[in-house]
Amino acid sequence: MAGFGIYFDALSGCADRALSISNQFKSMADEAPPAVSLSCFGTLGGKSGKLAAAVGKLEEKIDAEARHAQKNLKGVEGALHQVVTNIKRADNPDNPDNRVQT
């Protein structure tokens, strides 16, 4: 691939960063907050139950979004590593990992 400046370390660094952030989203999704019940809000004129239900739905959505982000970032990590592998394979099909030949 003459004429191209490909920075494999940068691609690998981006992949590693995507994996790191993916793990943060996984940790966030795995940490279940304490259950929210109507007692958390006092009486609130009889609306405590509705507020507790709304907070519960919000927590479910946050959990789903965090898991979705984790899955997608994990995919980005794998794709970036695959780009590096594919370029090396195309550039040097006999030695795609750039191993020292003995």
N, C-alpha and C. Protein backbone atom coordinates (compact mmCIF):
# COMPACT_ATOMS: atom_id res chain seq x y z
N MET A 1 0.83 -1.17 0.00
CA MET A 1 0.00 0.00 0.00
C MET A 1 0.88 1.25 0.00
N ALA A 2 1.67 1.34 -1.02
CA ALA A 2 2.60 2.46 -1.15
C ALA A 2 1.84 3.77 -1.19
N GLY A 3 2.42 4.78 -0.56
CA GLY A 3 1.81 6.10 -0.57
C GLY A 3 0.82 6.34 0.55
N PHE A 4 0.53 5.33 1.34
CA PHE A 4 -0.41 5.49 2.45
C PHE A 4 0.35 5.49 3.76
N GLY A 5 0.02 6.42 4.61
CA GLY A 5 0.57 6.43 5.96
C GLY A 5 -0.49 5.90 6.91
N ILE A 6 -0.37 4.67 7.32
CA ILE A 6 -1.36 4.06 8.20
C ILE A 6 -0.76 3.93 9.59
N TYR A 7 -1.43 4.47 10.54
CA TYR A 7 -0.93 4.48 11.91
C TYR A 7 -1.62 3.38 12.71
N PHE A 8 -0.99 2.21 12.66
CA PHE A 8 -1.58 1.04 13.32
C PHE A 8 -1.70 1.25 14.83
N ASP A 9 -0.72 1.93 15.42
CA ASP A 9 -0.78 2.18 16.86
C ASP A 9 -2.00 3.05 17.20
N ALA A 10 -2.30 4.01 16.35
CA ALA A 10 -3.46 4.88 16.59
C ALA A 10 -4.75 4.08 16.48
N LEU A 11 -4.85 3.24 15.47
CA LEU A 11 -6.04 2.40 15.32
C LEU A 11 -6.20 1.46 16.51
N SER A 12 -5.09 0.84 16.92
CA SER A 12 -5.15 -0.05 18.08
C SER A 12 -5.48 0.71 19.36
N GLY A 13 -4.95 1.92 19.48
CA GLY A 13 -5.25 2.75 20.65
C GLY A 13 -6.73 3.12 20.71
N CYS A 14 -7.30 3.44 19.54
CA CYS A 14 -8.74 3.74 19.49
C CYS A 14 -9.56 2.51 19.87
N ALA A 15 -9.13 1.35 19.39
CA ALA A 15 -9.83 0.11 19.72
C ALA A 15 -9.77 -0.16 21.22
N ASP A 16 -8.60 0.04 21.80
CA ASP A 16 -8.45 -0.19 23.24
C ASP A 16 -9.30 0.79 24.05
N ARG A 17 -9.37 2.03 23.57
CA ARG A 17 -10.19 3.04 24.27
C ARG A 17 -11.67 2.69 24.18
N ALA A 18 -12.10 2.23 23.00
CA ALA A 18 -13.50 1.82 22.83
C ALA A 18 -13.83 0.68 23.79
N LEU A 19 -12.91 -0.27 23.93
CA LEU A 19 -13.13 -1.38 24.87
C LEU A 19 -13.20 -0.88 26.30
N SER A 20 -12.33 0.05 26.65
CA SER A 20 -12.33 0.60 28.01
C SER A 20 -13.66 1.30 28.33
N ILE A 21 -14.14 2.10 27.39
CA ILE A 21 -15.42 2.79 27.60
C ILE A 21 -16.56 1.78 27.62
N SER A 22 -16.47 0.77 26.77
CA SER A 22 -17.48 -0.29 26.76
C SER A 22 -17.59 -0.95 28.13
N ASN A 23 -16.45 -1.21 28.74
CA ASN A 23 -16.45 -1.82 30.07
C ASN A 23 -17.06 -0.90 31.12
N GLN A 24 -16.88 0.41 30.95
CA GLN A 24 -17.50 1.36 31.89
C GLN A 24 -19.02 1.30 31.77
N PHE A 25 -19.53 1.22 30.53
CA PHE A 25 -20.98 1.11 30.35
C PHE A 25 -21.49 -0.21 30.93
N LYS A 26 -20.71 -1.28 30.77
CA LYS A 26 -21.12 -2.57 31.32
C LYS A 26 -21.19 -2.48 32.84
N SER A 27 -20.20 -1.86 33.45
CA SER A 27 -20.20 -1.71 34.91
C SER A 27 -21.41 -0.92 35.36
N MET A 28 -21.72 0.15 34.62
CA MET A 28 -22.86 0.98 34.98
C MET A 28 -24.15 0.17 34.87
N ALA A 29 -24.27 -0.62 33.82
CA ALA A 29 -25.49 -1.42 33.63
C ALA A 29 -25.59 -2.53 34.67
N ASP A 30 -24.46 -3.05 35.10
CA ASP A 30 -24.47 -4.15 36.07
C ASP A 30 -24.75 -3.69 37.50
N GLU A 31 -24.55 -2.40 37.76
CA GLU A 31 -24.81 -1.87 39.10
C GLU A 31 -26.29 -1.53 39.22
N ALA A 32 -27.02 -2.40 39.85
CA ALA A 32 -28.44 -2.17 40.01
C ALA A 32 -28.67 -1.21 41.17
N PRO A 33 -29.38 -0.11 40.92
CA PRO A 33 -29.67 0.81 42.03
C PRO A 33 -30.71 0.18 42.96
N PRO A 34 -30.78 0.68 44.17
CA PRO A 34 -31.80 0.15 45.07
C PRO A 34 -33.19 0.40 44.49
N ALA A 35 -34.09 -0.50 44.79
CA ALA A 35 -35.46 -0.37 44.27
C ALA A 35 -36.10 0.93 44.77
N VAL A 36 -36.81 1.56 43.87
CA VAL A 36 -37.53 2.78 44.22
C VAL A 36 -38.97 2.41 44.49
N SER A 37 -39.41 2.74 45.68
CA SER A 37 -40.80 2.46 46.02
C SER A 37 -41.50 3.78 46.35
N LEU A 38 -42.79 3.69 46.49
CA LEU A 38 -43.54 4.91 46.77
C LEU A 38 -43.16 5.51 48.11
N SER A 39 -42.60 4.72 49.01
CA SER A 39 -42.20 5.25 50.32
C SER A 39 -41.03 6.21 50.20
N CYS A 40 -40.30 6.15 49.09
CA CYS A 40 -39.17 7.07 48.88
C CYS A 40 -39.62 8.51 48.73
N PHE A 41 -40.87 8.73 48.36
CA PHE A 41 -41.35 10.06 48.03
C PHE A 41 -42.38 10.61 49.01
N GLY A 42 -42.61 9.90 50.07
CA GLY A 42 -43.62 10.38 51.02
C GLY A 42 -45.01 10.21 50.44
N THR A 43 -45.89 11.09 50.80
CA THR A 43 -47.27 10.96 50.31
C THR A 43 -47.51 11.67 48.99
N LEU A 44 -46.99 12.86 48.82
CA LEU A 44 -47.12 13.62 47.57
C LEU A 44 -48.55 13.64 47.04
N GLY A 45 -49.47 13.80 47.91
CA GLY A 45 -50.88 13.89 47.50
C GLY A 45 -51.37 12.66 46.74
N GLY A 46 -50.89 11.49 47.12
CA GLY A 46 -51.35 10.26 46.49
C GLY A 46 -50.66 9.94 45.17
N LYS A 47 -49.66 10.68 44.82
CA LYS A 47 -48.97 10.46 43.53
C LYS A 47 -47.64 9.73 43.69
N SER A 48 -47.29 9.32 44.87
CA SER A 48 -46.01 8.64 45.11
C SER A 48 -45.86 7.38 44.26
N GLY A 49 -46.90 6.62 44.12
CA GLY A 49 -46.85 5.39 43.34
C GLY A 49 -46.55 5.66 41.88
N LYS A 50 -47.19 6.69 41.33
CA LYS A 50 -46.94 7.04 39.93
C LYS A 50 -45.50 7.52 39.73
N LEU A 51 -45.01 8.31 40.67
CA LEU A 51 -43.64 8.80 40.57
C LEU A 51 -42.64 7.64 40.68
N ALA A 52 -42.90 6.72 41.61
CA ALA A 52 -42.02 5.57 41.76
C ALA A 52 -42.03 4.72 40.49
N ALA A 53 -43.19 4.53 39.88
CA ALA A 53 -43.29 3.77 38.64
C ALA A 53 -42.53 4.47 37.51
N ALA A 54 -42.64 5.78 37.44
CA ALA A 54 -41.93 6.54 36.40
C ALA A 54 -40.42 6.44 36.58
N VAL A 55 -39.96 6.52 37.82
CA VAL A 55 -38.53 6.38 38.09
C VAL A 55 -38.07 4.97 37.72
N GLY A 56 -38.87 3.97 38.00
CA GLY A 56 -38.54 2.59 37.64
C GLY A 56 -38.40 2.44 36.12
N LYS A 57 -39.31 3.05 35.37
CA LYS A 57 -39.24 2.99 33.91
C LYS A 57 -37.99 3.70 33.40
N LEU A 58 -37.66 4.83 34.01
CA LEU A 58 -36.45 5.56 33.63
C LEU A 58 -35.21 4.71 33.87
N GLU A 59 -35.15 4.05 35.01
CA GLU A 59 -34.02 3.17 35.31
C GLU A 59 -33.90 2.04 34.30
N GLU A 60 -35.03 1.47 33.88
CA GLU A 60 -35.01 0.41 32.87
C GLU A 60 -34.46 0.93 31.55
N LYS A 61 -34.87 2.13 31.16
CA LYS A 61 -34.38 2.70 29.90
C LYS A 61 -32.89 3.01 29.97
N ILE A 62 -32.44 3.54 31.09
CA ILE A 62 -31.01 3.83 31.26
C ILE A 62 -30.21 2.53 31.18
N ASP A 63 -30.70 1.48 31.82
CA ASP A 63 -30.04 0.18 31.78
C ASP A 63 -29.96 -0.34 30.35
N ALA A 64 -31.07 -0.25 29.62
CA ALA A 64 -31.09 -0.74 28.23
C ALA A 64 -30.12 0.07 27.36
N GLU A 65 -30.09 1.37 27.53
CA GLU A 65 -29.20 2.22 26.73
C GLU A 65 -27.73 1.94 27.07
N ALA A 66 -27.43 1.73 28.34
CA ALA A 66 -26.06 1.44 28.74
C ALA A 66 -25.61 0.11 28.14
N ARG A 67 -26.47 -0.89 28.15
CA ARG A 67 -26.12 -2.18 27.57
C ARG A 67 -25.97 -2.08 26.04
N HIS A 68 -26.80 -1.27 25.43
CA HIS A 68 -26.70 -1.06 23.98
C HIS A 68 -25.38 -0.36 23.64
N ALA A 69 -25.02 0.66 24.40
CA ALA A 69 -23.75 1.36 24.18
C ALA A 69 -22.58 0.42 24.38
N GLN A 70 -22.65 -0.40 25.41
CA GLN A 70 -21.56 -1.35 25.70
C GLN A 70 -21.38 -2.31 24.53
N LYS A 71 -22.48 -2.84 24.03
CA LYS A 71 -22.42 -3.80 22.92
C LYS A 71 -21.84 -3.13 21.66
N ASN A 72 -22.29 -1.93 21.36
CA ASN A 72 -21.81 -1.25 20.16
C ASN A 72 -20.34 -0.87 20.26
N LEU A 73 -19.91 -0.40 21.42
CA LEU A 73 -18.50 -0.05 21.58
C LEU A 73 -17.62 -1.29 21.52
N LYS A 74 -18.10 -2.39 22.02
CA LYS A 74 -17.36 -3.66 21.90
C LYS A 74 -17.22 -4.03 20.43
N GLY A 75 -18.26 -3.79 19.65
CA GLY A 75 -18.20 -4.02 18.21
C GLY A 75 -17.21 -3.11 17.52
N VAL A 76 -17.15 -1.85 17.94
CA VAL A 76 -16.18 -0.91 17.38
C VAL A 76 -14.77 -1.40 17.65
N GLU A 77 -14.54 -1.85 18.87
CA GLU A 77 -13.21 -2.36 19.23
C GLU A 77 -12.80 -3.50 18.31
N GLY A 78 -13.68 -4.45 18.12
CA GLY A 78 -13.37 -5.59 17.26
C GLY A 78 -13.18 -5.18 15.81
N ALA A 79 -13.99 -4.25 15.34
CA ALA A 79 -13.89 -3.79 13.95
C ALA A 79 -12.56 -3.08 13.70
N LEU A 80 -12.13 -2.25 14.65
CA LEU A 80 -10.86 -1.55 14.46
C LEU A 80 -9.68 -2.52 14.43
N HIS A 81 -9.71 -3.52 15.28
CA HIS A 81 -8.65 -4.53 15.24
C HIS A 81 -8.70 -5.30 13.91
N GLN A 82 -9.89 -5.55 13.42
CA GLN A 82 -10.03 -6.25 12.14
C GLN A 82 -9.49 -5.39 10.99
N VAL A 83 -9.70 -4.08 11.05
CA VAL A 83 -9.15 -3.18 10.02
C VAL A 83 -7.63 -3.31 9.98
N VAL A 84 -7.00 -3.27 11.14
CA VAL A 84 -5.54 -3.40 11.20
C VAL A 84 -5.11 -4.73 10.58
N THR A 85 -5.77 -5.80 10.97
CA THR A 85 -5.43 -7.13 10.44
C THR A 85 -5.62 -7.19 8.92
N ASN A 86 -6.73 -6.65 8.44
CA ASN A 86 -7.00 -6.70 7.00
C ASN A 86 -5.99 -5.89 6.19
N ILE A 87 -5.61 -4.73 6.70
CA ILE A 87 -4.63 -3.90 5.99
C ILE A 87 -3.28 -4.61 5.96
N LYS A 88 -2.87 -5.16 7.09
CA LYS A 88 -1.59 -5.87 7.13
C LYS A 88 -1.62 -7.08 6.20
N ARG A 89 -2.73 -7.78 6.17
CA ARG A 89 -2.85 -8.95 5.30
C ARG A 89 -2.80 -8.53 3.82
N ALA A 90 -3.45 -7.44 3.48
CA ALA A 90 -3.44 -6.96 2.09
C ALA A 90 -2.06 -6.45 1.70
N ASP A 91 -1.38 -5.82 2.64
CA ASP A 91 -0.07 -5.24 2.36
C ASP A 91 1.01 -6.31 2.26
N ASN A 92 0.87 -7.37 3.03
CA ASN A 92 1.89 -8.42 3.06
C ASN A 92 1.20 -9.76 3.30
N PRO A 93 0.58 -10.33 2.25
CA PRO A 93 -0.23 -11.53 2.45
C PRO A 93 0.55 -12.74 2.96
N ASP A 94 1.87 -12.75 2.73
CA ASP A 94 2.67 -13.89 3.20
C ASP A 94 3.03 -13.78 4.67
N ASN A 95 2.89 -12.58 5.24
CA ASN A 95 3.26 -12.35 6.64
C ASN A 95 2.36 -11.26 7.22
N PRO A 96 1.04 -11.54 7.35
CA PRO A 96 0.08 -10.50 7.75
C PRO A 96 0.28 -9.95 9.15
N ASP A 97 0.95 -10.67 10.02
CA ASP A 97 1.17 -10.19 11.38
C ASP A 97 2.51 -9.51 11.54
N ASN A 98 3.23 -9.34 10.42
CA ASN A 98 4.55 -8.71 10.42
C ASN A 98 5.50 -9.39 11.40
N ARG A 99 5.41 -10.70 11.46
CA ARG A 99 6.32 -11.46 12.33
C ARG A 99 7.70 -11.50 11.71
N VAL A 100 8.68 -11.55 12.54
CA VAL A 100 10.05 -11.67 12.06
C VAL A 100 10.24 -13.07 11.52
N GLN A 101 10.68 -13.14 10.27
CA GLN A 101 10.89 -14.43 9.61
C GLN A 101 12.31 -14.93 9.95
N THR A 102 12.43 -16.19 10.30
CA THR A 102 13.75 -16.77 10.59
C THR A 102 14.11 -17.81 9.57
